[in-house]
Amino acid sequence: MPIPKPKTDETLATFMARCMADETMVGEYEPSQRFAVCRASYTDKKKQKTKNDTRRNNKYKNKADRS
């Protein structure tokens, strides 16, 4: 039961439409539950991206500070 993940730079609206219509998701979840799972998947992925971006920026900042 793989839950769809947002693609790079995919908007919330586009992802939600794709996720809500996903054949596996339709078969596994009722609409309100599917909505919550899709929304959580989008939010989790965006939090991960933000966390990774922050780490990457700090890495470059630390290198610049050493120069």
Protein backbone atom coordinates (compact mmCIF):
# COMPACT_ATOMS: atom_id res chain seq x y z
CA MET A 1 0.00 0.00 0.00
CA PRO A 2 2.41 2.73 -1.12
CA ILE A 3 1.20 6.23 -0.30
CA PRO A 4 1.91 8.75 -3.07
CA LYS A 5 4.62 11.28 -2.36
CA PRO A 6 4.68 14.81 -3.78
CA LYS A 7 6.92 15.42 -6.74
CA THR A 8 9.51 18.18 -6.62
CA ASP A 9 7.79 21.58 -6.77
CA GLU A 10 4.33 19.98 -7.00
CA THR A 11 1.68 22.28 -5.54
CA LEU A 12 -0.60 21.12 -2.77
CA ALA A 13 -3.65 21.29 -5.06
CA THR A 14 -2.00 19.24 -7.80
CA PHE A 15 -0.69 16.66 -5.36
CA MET A 16 -4.01 16.35 -3.54
CA ALA A 17 -5.87 15.78 -6.81
CA ARG A 18 -3.38 13.11 -7.85
CA CYS A 19 -3.29 11.45 -4.44
CA MET A 20 -7.06 11.47 -3.92
CA ALA A 21 -7.57 9.82 -7.32
CA ASP A 22 -4.81 7.23 -6.85
CA GLU A 23 -6.24 3.75 -7.44
CA THR A 24 -4.57 2.22 -4.39
CA MET A 25 -5.64 5.08 -2.14
CA VAL A 26 -9.24 4.87 -3.36
CA GLY A 27 -9.29 1.16 -2.60
CA GLU A 28 -7.71 1.51 0.84
CA TYR A 29 -9.26 4.63 2.36
CA GLU A 30 -12.62 6.35 2.68
CA PRO A 31 -12.60 9.92 1.25
CA SER A 32 -12.10 11.78 4.56
CA GLN A 33 -9.39 9.37 5.68
CA ARG A 34 -7.74 9.51 2.24
CA PHE A 35 -7.72 13.31 2.42
CA ALA A 36 -5.96 13.22 5.79
CA VAL A 37 -3.38 10.67 4.62
CA CYS A 38 -2.66 12.63 1.42
CA ARG A 39 -2.37 15.90 3.31
CA ALA A 40 0.00 14.33 5.85
CA SER A 41 2.13 12.90 3.05
CA TYR A 42 2.42 16.33 1.43
CA THR A 43 3.18 18.08 4.74
CA ASP A 44 5.77 15.48 5.78
CA LYS A 45 7.58 15.71 2.45
CA LYS A 46 7.67 19.50 2.58
CA LYS A 47 8.95 19.47 6.17
CA GLN A 48 11.69 17.05 5.11
CA LYS A 49 12.63 19.29 2.18
CA THR A 50 12.78 22.37 4.43
CA LYS A 51 14.90 20.50 6.97
CA ASN A 52 17.29 19.32 4.23
CA ASP A 53 17.49 22.82 2.72
CA THR A 54 18.32 24.28 6.14
CA ARG A 55 21.06 21.71 6.69
CA ARG A 56 22.48 22.39 3.23
CA ASN A 57 22.44 26.17 3.80
CA ASN A 58 24.11 25.79 7.19
CA LYS A 59 26.78 23.57 5.65
CA TYR A 60 27.66 26.24 3.09
CA LYS A 61 27.45 29.01 5.67
CA ASN A 62 29.86 27.14 7.96
CA LYS A 63 32.32 26.68 5.09
CA ALA A 64 32.14 30.40 4.28
CA ASP A 65 32.71 31.33 7.92
CA ARG A 66 35.93 29.30 7.94
CA SER A 67 37.36 31.13 4.93
